PDB file of N, CA and C in Angstrom:
ATOM      1  N   MET A   1      69.942 142.527 135.542  1.00  0.00           N
ATOM      2  CA  MET A   1      70.521 141.616 133.895  1.00  0.00           C
ATOM      3  C   MET A   1      71.855 142.620 134.046  1.00  0.00           C
ATOM      4  N   THR A   2      73.257 141.618 133.963  1.00  0.00           N
ATOM      5  CA  THR A   2      74.576 142.265 133.608  1.00  0.00           C
ATOM      6  C   THR A   2      74.763 142.617 131.662  1.00  0.00           C
ATOM      7  N   SER A   3      74.897 144.326 131.163  1.00  0.00           N
ATOM      8  CA  SER A   3      74.915 143.049 130.127  1.00  0.00           C
ATOM      9  C   SER A   3      76.665 142.931 129.805  1.00  0.00           C
ATOM     10  N   THR A   4      76.981 141.796 128.931  1.00  0.00           N
ATOM     11  CA  THR A   4      78.334 141.474 128.567  1.00  0.00           C
ATOM     12  C   THR A   4      79.113 142.303 127.149  1.00  0.00           C
ATOM     13  N   PRO A   5      79.866 142.098 127.288  1.00  0.00           N
ATOM     14  CA  PRO A   5      80.414 144.070 126.310  1.00  0.00           C
ATOM     15  C   PRO A   5      80.460 142.660 125.334  1.00  0.00           C
ATOM     16  N   SER A   6      79.930 143.028 123.901  1.00  0.00           N
ATOM     17  CA  SER A   6      79.985 142.493 122.428  1.00  0.00           C
ATOM     18  C   SER A   6      81.190 143.212 121.571  1.00  0.00           C
ATOM     19  N   ALA A   7      81.707 142.038 121.229  1.00  0.00           N
ATOM     20  CA  ALA A   7      83.302 141.854 119.880  1.00  0.00           C
ATOM     21  C   ALA A   7      82.225 143.163 118.094  1.00  0.00           C
ATOM     22  N   GLN A   8      82.188 144.293 118.304  1.00  0.00           N
ATOM     23  CA  GLN A   8      81.647 145.200 117.183  1.00  0.00           C
ATOM     24  C   GLN A   8      82.460 144.932 115.367  1.00  0.00           C
ATOM     25  N   THR A   9      82.161 144.263 115.035  1.00  0.00           N
ATOM     26  CA  THR A   9      83.047 144.813 113.629  1.00  0.00           C
ATOM     27  C   THR A   9      82.534 145.811 113.219  1.00  0.00           C
ATOM     28  N   PRO A  10      83.576 146.909 112.929  1.00  0.00           N
ATOM     29  CA  PRO A  10      83.309 148.216 112.196  1.00  0.00           C
ATOM     30  C   PRO A  10      83.273 147.483 110.537  1.00  0.00           C
ATOM     31  N   VAL A  11      81.917 148.460 110.242  1.00  0.00           N
ATOM     32  CA  VAL A  11      81.240 148.636 108.568  1.00  0.00           C
ATOM     33  C   VAL A  11      82.645 149.707 107.941  1.00  0.00           C
ATOM     34  N   HIS A  12      82.574 148.839 106.723  1.00  0.00           N
ATOM     35  CA  HIS A  12      83.674 149.703 106.181  1.00  0.00           C
ATOM     36  C   HIS A  12      83.083 149.598 105.543  1.00  0.00           C
ATOM     37  N   ARG A  13      83.312 151.596 104.702  1.00  0.00           N
ATOM     38  CA  ARG A  13      82.622 152.266 103.735  1.00  0.00           C
ATOM     39  C   ARG A  13      83.244 152.161 103.074  1.00  0.00           C
ATOM     40  N   ALA A  14      83.361 152.120 101.434  1.00  0.00           N
ATOM     41  CA  ALA A  14      83.786 152.731 100.521  1.00  0.00           C
ATOM     42  C   ALA A  14      83.521 154.767 100.899  1.00  0.00           C
ATOM     43  N   PRO A  15      85.306 155.280 101.148  1.00  0.00           N
ATOM     44  CA  PRO A  15      84.736 156.852 100.920  1.00  0.00           C
ATOM     45  C   PRO A  15      84.394 157.897  99.863  1.00  0.00           C
ATOM     46  N   ARG A  16      83.200 158.785  99.916  1.00  0.00           N
ATOM     47  CA  ARG A  16      82.822 159.547  98.943  1.00  0.00           C
ATOM     48  C   ARG A  16      83.573 159.907  98.084  1.00  0.00           C
ATOM     49  N   PRO A  17      82.760 159.738  96.983  1.00  0.00           N
ATOM     50  CA  PRO A  17      84.166 160.906  96.052  1.00  0.00           C
ATOM     51  C   PRO A  17      83.758 162.618  96.355  1.00  0.00           C
ATOM     52  N   PHE A  18      84.617 163.135  96.360  1.00  0.00           N
ATOM     53  CA  PHE A  18      84.280 164.478  96.675  1.00  0.00           C
ATOM     54  C   PHE A  18      83.936 165.531  95.267  1.00  0.00           C
ATOM     55  N   ALA A  19      83.055 165.932  95.278  1.00  0.00           N
ATOM     56  CA  ALA A  19      82.745 166.605  94.285  1.00  0.00           C
ATOM     57  C   ALA A  19      83.110 167.786  93.986  1.00  0.00           C
ATOM     58  N   ALA A  20      83.429 168.256  93.616  1.00  0.00           N
ATOM     59  CA  ALA A  20      84.220 169.581  93.887  1.00  0.00           C
ATOM     60  C   ALA A  20      83.213 170.798  92.871  1.00  0.00           C
ATOM     61  N   PRO A  21      83.119 171.487  93.854  1.00  0.00           N
ATOM     62  CA  PRO A  21      81.633 172.899  93.492  1.00  0.00           C
ATOM     63  C   PRO A  21      82.269 173.449  92.497  1.00  0.00           C
ATOM     64  N   LEU A  22      81.154 174.315  91.518  1.00  0.00           N
ATOM     65  CA  LEU A  22      81.833 175.113  90.647  1.00  0.00           C
ATOM     66  C   LEU A  22      82.202 175.882  91.329  1.00  0.00           C
ATOM     67  N   THR A  23      83.062 176.896  91.189  1.00  0.00           N
ATOM     68  CA  THR A  23      82.920 177.994  92.430  1.00  0.00           C
ATOM     69  C   THR A  23      83.087 179.375  91.753  1.00  0.00           C
ATOM     70  N   GLY A  24      82.937 178.715  90.478  1.00  0.00           N
ATOM     71  CA  GLY A  24      82.668 180.453  88.801  1.00  0.00           C
ATOM     72  C   GLY A  24      81.226 180.410  89.090  1.00  0.00           C
ATOM     73  N   VAL A  25      80.941 179.964  88.596  1.00  0.00           N
ATOM     74  CA  VAL A  25      79.030 179.257  88.963  1.00  0.00           C
ATOM     75  C   VAL A  25      78.508 180.634  90.340  1.00  0.00           C
ATOM     76  N   ARG A  26      78.976 179.273  91.561  1.00  0.00           N
ATOM     77  CA  ARG A  26      78.569 179.146  92.594  1.00  0.00           C
ATOM     78  C   ARG A  26      78.793 180.882  93.502  1.00  0.00           C
ATOM     79  N   THR A  27      80.211 181.654  93.111  1.00  0.00           N
ATOM     80  CA  THR A  27      80.789 182.718  93.077  1.00  0.00           C
ATOM     81  C   THR A  27      80.046 183.684  92.643  1.00  0.00           C
ATOM     82  N   SER A  28      79.225 183.425  91.403  1.00  0.00           N
ATOM     83  CA  SER A  28      78.963 184.950  90.331  1.00  0.00           C
ATOM     84  C   SER A  28      77.028 184.861  91.064  1.00  0.00           C
ATOM     85  N   VAL A  29      76.864 183.381  91.667  1.00  0.00           N
ATOM     86  CA  VAL A  29      75.724 183.730  92.059  1.00  0.00           C
ATOM     87  C   VAL A  29      75.488 183.979  93.756  1.00  0.00           C
ATOM     88  N   GLU A  30      76.872 183.679  93.996  1.00  0.00           N
ATOM     89  CA  GLU A  30      76.670 184.616  95.962  1.00  0.00           C
ATOM     90  C   GLU A  30      77.295 186.306  95.705  1.00  0.00           C
ATOM     91  N   LEU A  31      77.243 186.491  94.731  1.00  0.00           N
ATOM     92  CA  LEU A  31      77.624 187.879  94.184  1.00  0.00           C
ATOM     93  C   LEU A  31      76.375 188.534  93.329  1.00  0.00           C
ATOM     94  N   LEU A  32      75.938 188.177  92.686  1.00  0.00           N
ATOM     95  CA  LEU A  32      74.207 188.289  92.408  1.00  0.00           C
ATOM     96  C   LEU A  32      73.323 188.490  93.059  1.00  0.00           C
ATOM     97  N   LEU A  33      73.161 187.241  94.399  1.00  0.00           N
ATOM     98  CA  LEU A  33      72.480 187.872  95.654  1.00  0.00           C
ATOM     99  C   LEU A  33      73.127 188.960  95.794  1.00  0.00           C
ATOM    100  N   GLY A  34      74.451 189.038  96.764  1.00  0.00           N
ATOM    101  CA  GLY A  34      74.367 190.866  97.276  1.00  0.00           C
ATOM    102  C   GLY A  34      73.845 191.613  96.840  1.00  0.00           C
ATOM    103  N   LEU A  35      74.093 191.781  94.981  1.00  0.00           N
ATOM    104  CA  LEU A  35      73.953 192.677  94.476  1.00  0.00           C
ATOM    105  C   LEU A  35      71.781 192.790  94.232  1.00  0.00           C
ATOM    106  N   SER A  36      71.485 191.614  94.138  1.00  0.00           N
ATOM    107  CA  SER A  36      70.189 192.099  94.077  1.00  0.00           C
ATOM    108  C   SER A  36      69.337 192.237  95.378  1.00  0.00           C
ATOM    109  N   PHE A  37      70.011 192.229  96.286  1.00  0.00           N
ATOM    110  CA  PHE A  37      69.659 192.697  97.411  1.00  0.00           C
ATOM    111  C   PHE A  37      70.120 194.332  97.646  1.00  0.00           C
ATOM    112  N   LEU A  38      71.252 194.763  97.515  1.00  0.00           N
ATOM    113  CA  LEU A  38      71.257 195.435  97.525  1.00  0.00           C
ATOM    114  C   LEU A  38      70.192 197.162  96.699  1.00  0.00           C
ATOM    115  N   VAL A  39      70.570 196.576  95.498  1.00  0.00           N
ATOM    116  CA  VAL A  39      69.210 197.045  94.700  1.00  0.00           C
ATOM    117  C   VAL A  39      68.091 197.213  95.307  1.00  0.00           C
ATOM    118  N   ALA A  40      67.323 195.948  95.898  1.00  0.00           N
ATOM    119  CA  ALA A  40      66.299 195.836  96.038  1.00  0.00           C
ATOM    120  C   ALA A  40      66.015 196.466  97.235  1.00  0.00           C
ATOM    121  N   VAL A  41      67.147 197.050  98.371  1.00  0.00           N
ATOM    122  CA  VAL A  41      67.128 197.969  99.333  1.00  0.00           C
ATOM    123  C   VAL A  41      66.769 199.317  98.943  1.00  0.00           C
ATOM    124  N   SER A  42      67.703 199.789  98.093  1.00  0.00           N
ATOM    125  CA  SER A  42      68.276 201.381  97.516  1.00  0.00           C
ATOM    126  C   SER A  42      66.892 201.750  96.868  1.00  0.00           C
ATOM    127  N   PHE A  43      66.436 200.932  96.007  1.00  0.00           N
ATOM    128  CA  PHE A  43      65.622 201.516  95.396  1.00  0.00           C
ATOM    129  C   PHE A  43      64.569 201.416  95.835  1.00  0.00           C
ATOM    130  N   GLY A  44      63.862 200.828  97.030  1.00  0.00           N
ATOM    131  CA  GLY A  44      62.793 200.277  97.632  1.00  0.00           C
ATOM    132  C   GLY A  44      62.707 201.604  98.675  1.00  0.00           C
ATOM    133  N   GLY A  45      63.929 201.801  99.478  1.00  0.00           N
ATOM    134  CA  GLY A  45      64.047 203.276 100.037  1.00  0.00           C
ATOM    135  C   GLY A  45      63.509 204.296  98.905  1.00  0.00           C
ATOM    136  N   TYR A  46      64.132 204.430  98.261  1.00  0.00           N
ATOM    137  CA  TYR A  46      64.162 205.757  97.371  1.00  0.00           C
ATOM    138  C   TYR A  46      62.576 205.768  97.094  1.00  0.00           C
ATOM    139  N   GLY A  47      62.232 204.742  96.722  1.00  0.00           N
ATOM    140  CA  GLY A  47      60.806 204.856  96.163  1.00  0.00           C
ATOM    141  C   GLY A  47      59.637 204.971  97.482  1.00  0.00           C
ATOM    142  N   ALA A  48      60.084 204.374  98.453  1.00  0.00           N
ATOM    143  CA  ALA A  48      59.271 205.021  99.753  1.00  0.00           C
ATOM    144  C   ALA A  48      59.326 206.383 100.142  1.00  0.00           C
ATOM    145  N   ALA A  49      60.757 207.202 100.170  1.00  0.00           N
ATOM    146  CA  ALA A  49      61.024 207.942 100.092  1.00  0.00           C
ATOM    147  C   ALA A  49      60.589 209.163  98.728  1.00  0.00           C
ATOM    148  N   VAL A  50      60.323 208.948  98.416  1.00  0.00           N
ATOM    149  CA  VAL A  50      59.472 209.785  96.893  1.00  0.00           C
ATOM    150  C   VAL A  50      57.904 209.601  96.801  1.00  0.00           C
ATOM    151  N   GLY A  51      57.127 208.152  97.507  1.00  0.00           N
ATOM    152  CA  GLY A  51      56.070 207.891  98.120  1.00  0.00           C
ATOM    153  C   GLY A  51      55.408 206.907  96.672  1.00  0.00           C
ATOM    154  N   GLN A  52      56.074 206.743  96.199  1.00  0.00           N
ATOM    155  CA  GLN A  52      56.072 206.210  94.408  1.00  0.00           C
ATOM    156  C   GLN A  52      56.557 204.652  94.326  1.00  0.00           C
ATOM    157  N   PRO A  53      55.797 203.274  94.324  1.00  0.00           N
ATOM    158  CA  PRO A  53      56.613 202.198  94.058  1.00  0.00           C
ATOM    159  C   PRO A  53      57.954 201.675  92.986  1.00  0.00           C
ATOM    160  N   SER A  54      58.602 201.194  93.113  1.00  0.00           N
ATOM    161  CA  SER A  54      60.081 201.677  91.767  1.00  0.00           C
ATOM    162  C   SER A  54      60.192 199.396  91.825  1.00  0.00           C
ATOM    163  N   VAL A  55      59.347 199.445  90.581  1.00  0.00           N
ATOM    164  CA  VAL A  55      59.739 198.992  89.357  1.00  0.00           C
ATOM    165  C   VAL A  55      60.951 198.059  89.310  1.00  0.00           C
ATOM    166  N   VAL A  56      62.193 198.802  89.838  1.00  0.00           N
ATOM    167  CA  VAL A  56      63.003 198.385  89.942  1.00  0.00           C
ATOM    168  C   VAL A  56      63.809 197.523  91.188  1.00  0.00           C
ATOM    169  N   ALA A  57      63.184 198.143  92.765  1.00  0.00           N
ATOM    170  CA  ALA A  57      62.944 197.305  93.071  1.00  0.00           C
ATOM    171  C   ALA A  57      62.341 196.152  93.911  1.00  0.00           C
ATOM    172  N   GLN A  58      60.913 196.079  92.421  1.00  0.00           N
ATOM    173  CA  GLN A  58      60.367 195.007  92.413  1.00  0.00           C
ATOM    174  C   GLN A  58      61.060 193.694  91.530  1.00  0.00           C
ATOM    175  N   LEU A  59      61.720 194.343  90.839  1.00  0.00           N
ATOM    176  CA  LEU A  59      62.139 193.204  90.168  1.00  0.00           C
ATOM    177  C   LEU A  59      63.491 192.428  90.606  1.00  0.00           C
ATOM    178  N   GLY A  60      64.523 193.869  91.915  1.00  0.00           N
ATOM    179  CA  GLY A  60      65.578 193.171  92.292  1.00  0.00           C
ATOM    180  C   GLY A  60      65.281 192.150  93.313  1.00  0.00           C
ATOM    181  N   ALA A  61      63.688 192.545  93.935  1.00  0.00           N
ATOM    182  CA  ALA A  61      63.795 191.320  95.192  1.00  0.00           C
ATOM    183  C   ALA A  61      63.626 190.582  94.235  1.00  0.00           C
ATOM    184  N   LEU A  62      62.526 190.318  93.160  1.00  0.00           N
ATOM    185  CA  LEU A  62      62.660 188.768  92.756  1.00  0.00           C
ATOM    186  C   LEU A  62      63.704 188.241  92.308  1.00  0.00           C
ATOM    187  N   VAL A  63      64.627 188.802  91.703  1.00  0.00           N
ATOM    188  CA  VAL A  63      66.031 188.966  91.664  1.00  0.00           C
ATOM    189  C   VAL A  63      66.551 187.512  92.633  1.00  0.00           C
ATOM    190  N   PHE A  64      66.197 188.819  93.745  1.00  0.00           N
ATOM    191  CA  PHE A  64      66.757 188.183  95.408  1.00  0.00           C
ATOM    192  C   PHE A  64      66.569 187.074  95.653  1.00  0.00           C
ATOM    193  N   LEU A  65      65.915 186.575  95.847  1.00  0.00           N
ATOM    194  CA  LEU A  65      64.117 185.260  96.098  1.00  0.00           C
ATOM    195  C   LEU A  65      65.053 184.182  95.245  1.00  0.00           C
ATOM    196  N   VAL A  66      65.222 184.743  93.806  1.00  0.00           N
ATOM    197  CA  VAL A  66      65.392 183.137  93.165  1.00  0.00           C
ATOM    198  C   VAL A  66      67.099 182.868  93.261  1.00  0.00           C
ATOM    199  N   THR A  67      67.811 184.189  93.752  1.00  0.00           N
ATOM    200  CA  THR A  67      68.831 183.907  93.352  1.00  0.00           C
ATOM    201  C   THR A  67      69.817 183.084  95.472  1.00  0.00           C
ATOM    202  N   LEU A  68      68.776 183.683  96.114  1.00  0.00           N
ATOM    203  CA  LEU A  68      68.847 182.679  97.385  1.00  0.00           C
ATOM    204  C   LEU A  68      68.529 181.538  97.689  1.00  0.00           C
ATOM    205  N   THR A  69      67.448 181.248  96.678  1.00  0.00           N
ATOM    206  CA  THR A  69      67.149 180.272  96.670  1.00  0.00           C
ATOM    207  C   THR A  69      68.338 179.079  95.945  1.00  0.00           C
ATOM    208  N   CYS A  70      68.692 179.187  95.265  1.00  0.00           N
ATOM    209  CA  CYS A  70      69.796 178.653  93.616  1.00  0.00           C
ATOM    210  C   CYS A  70      70.552 178.723  95.178  1.00  0.00           C
ATOM    211  N   ALA A  71      71.205 180.047  96.055  1.00  0.00           N
ATOM    212  CA  ALA A  71      72.852 180.202  96.984  1.00  0.00           C
ATOM    213  C   ALA A  71      72.210 178.811  97.622  1.00  0.00           C
ATOM    214  N   LEU A  72      70.565 178.456  98.616  1.00  0.00           N
ATOM    215  CA  LEU A  72      70.533 177.340  99.842  1.00  0.00           C
ATOM    216  C   LEU A  72      70.663 176.155  99.614  1.00  0.00           C
ATOM    217  N   VAL A  73      70.487 176.367  98.119  1.00  0.00           N
ATOM    218  CA  VAL A  73      69.773 175.068  97.909  1.00  0.00           C
ATOM    219  C   VAL A  73      71.263 174.107  97.231  1.00  0.00           C
ATOM    220  N   SER A  74      72.232 175.129  96.882  1.00  0.00           N
ATOM    221  CA  SER A  74      73.649 174.325  96.018  1.00  0.00           C
ATOM    222  C   SER A  74      74.306 174.349  97.509  1.00  0.00           C
ATOM    223  N   TRP A  75      74.459 175.168  98.797  1.00  0.00           N
ATOM    224  CA  TRP A  75      74.762 175.064 100.083  1.00  0.00           C
ATOM    225  C   TRP A  75      74.352 173.936 100.783  1.00  0.00           C
ATOM    226  N   PHE A  76      73.228 173.291 100.350  1.00  0.00           N
ATOM    227  CA  PHE A  76      73.113 171.893 101.371  1.00  0.00           C
ATOM    228  C   PHE A  76      72.693 171.114 100.674  1.00  0.00           C
ATOM    229  N   ARG A  77      72.739 170.997  99.209  1.00  0.00           N
ATOM    230  CA  ARG A  77      72.566 169.943  98.642  1.00  0.00           C
ATOM    231  C   ARG A  77      73.793 168.367  99.304  1.00  0.00           C
ATOM    232  N   PRO A  78      75.366 169.542  99.101  1.00  0.00           N
ATOM    233  CA  PRO A  78      75.783 167.993  99.755  1.00  0.00           C
ATOM    234  C   PRO A  78      75.751 167.738 100.974  1.00  0.00           C
ATOM    235  N   ALA A  79      74.732 167.847 101.410  1.00  0.00           N
ATOM    236  CA  ALA A  79      74.803 168.131 102.809  1.00  0.00           C
ATOM    237  C   ALA A  79      73.392 166.339 103.107  1.00  0.00           C
ATOM    238  N   ASP A  80      72.823 166.442 101.751  1.00  0.00           N
ATOM    239  CA  ASP A  80      71.686 165.509 101.285  1.00  0.00           C
ATOM    240  C   ASP A  80      72.264 163.996 101.096  1.00  0.00           C
ATOM    241  N   ARG A  81      73.669 164.134 100.341  1.00  0.00           N
ATOM    242  CA  ARG A  81      74.027 163.264  99.445  1.00  0.00           C
ATOM    243  C   ARG A  81      73.734 162.097 100.748  1.00  0.00           C
ATOM    244  N   GLU A  82      73.569 161.109 100.996  1.00  0.00           N
ATOM    245  CA  GLU A  82      74.060 160.116 101.466  1.00  0.00           C
ATOM    246  C   GLU A  82      74.646 158.495 100.249  1.00  0.00           C
ATOM    247  N   PRO A  83      75.798 158.164 101.086  1.00  0.00           N
ATOM    248  CA  PRO A  83      75.197 156.512 100.455  1.00  0.00           C
ATOM    249  C   PRO A  83      74.758 155.550 100.388  1.00  0.00           C
ATOM    250  N   SER A  84      74.057 154.926  98.983  1.00  0.00           N
ATOM    251  CA  SER A  84      72.821 153.918  99.602  1.00  0.00           C
ATOM    252  C   SER A  84      73.651 153.303  99.861  1.00  0.00           C
ATOM    253  N   GLU A  85      73.092 152.117 100.993  1.00  0.00           N
ATOM    254  CA  GLU A  85      72.820 151.280 101.614  1.00  0.00           C
ATOM    255  C   GLU A  85      71.844 150.021 100.710  1.00  0.00           C
ATOM    256  N   ARG A  86      73.027 149.499 100.012  1.00  0.00           N
ATOM    257  CA  ARG A  86      72.285 147.989  99.795  1.00  0.00           C
ATOM    258  C   ARG A  86      72.661 146.858 100.077  1.00  0.00           C
TER     259      ARG A  86
END
């Protein structure tokens, strides 16, 4: 069976509006992410060397996990948005 080429009309979609990210908030979240990682690792290493757990390392790890979640959500949120086809 041979297939005959059919003319397909292109579907024209309205361009998506560009949503500018909040660069100040995003930058501060990314800086807090890095600083909290540094605090968690450095105080955790110090606590391991001394032999006592550090409350600062635990709080730093908690802040790191929360900011990591916020950063990942903000990085991948624009990829989720698809125009609704009704």
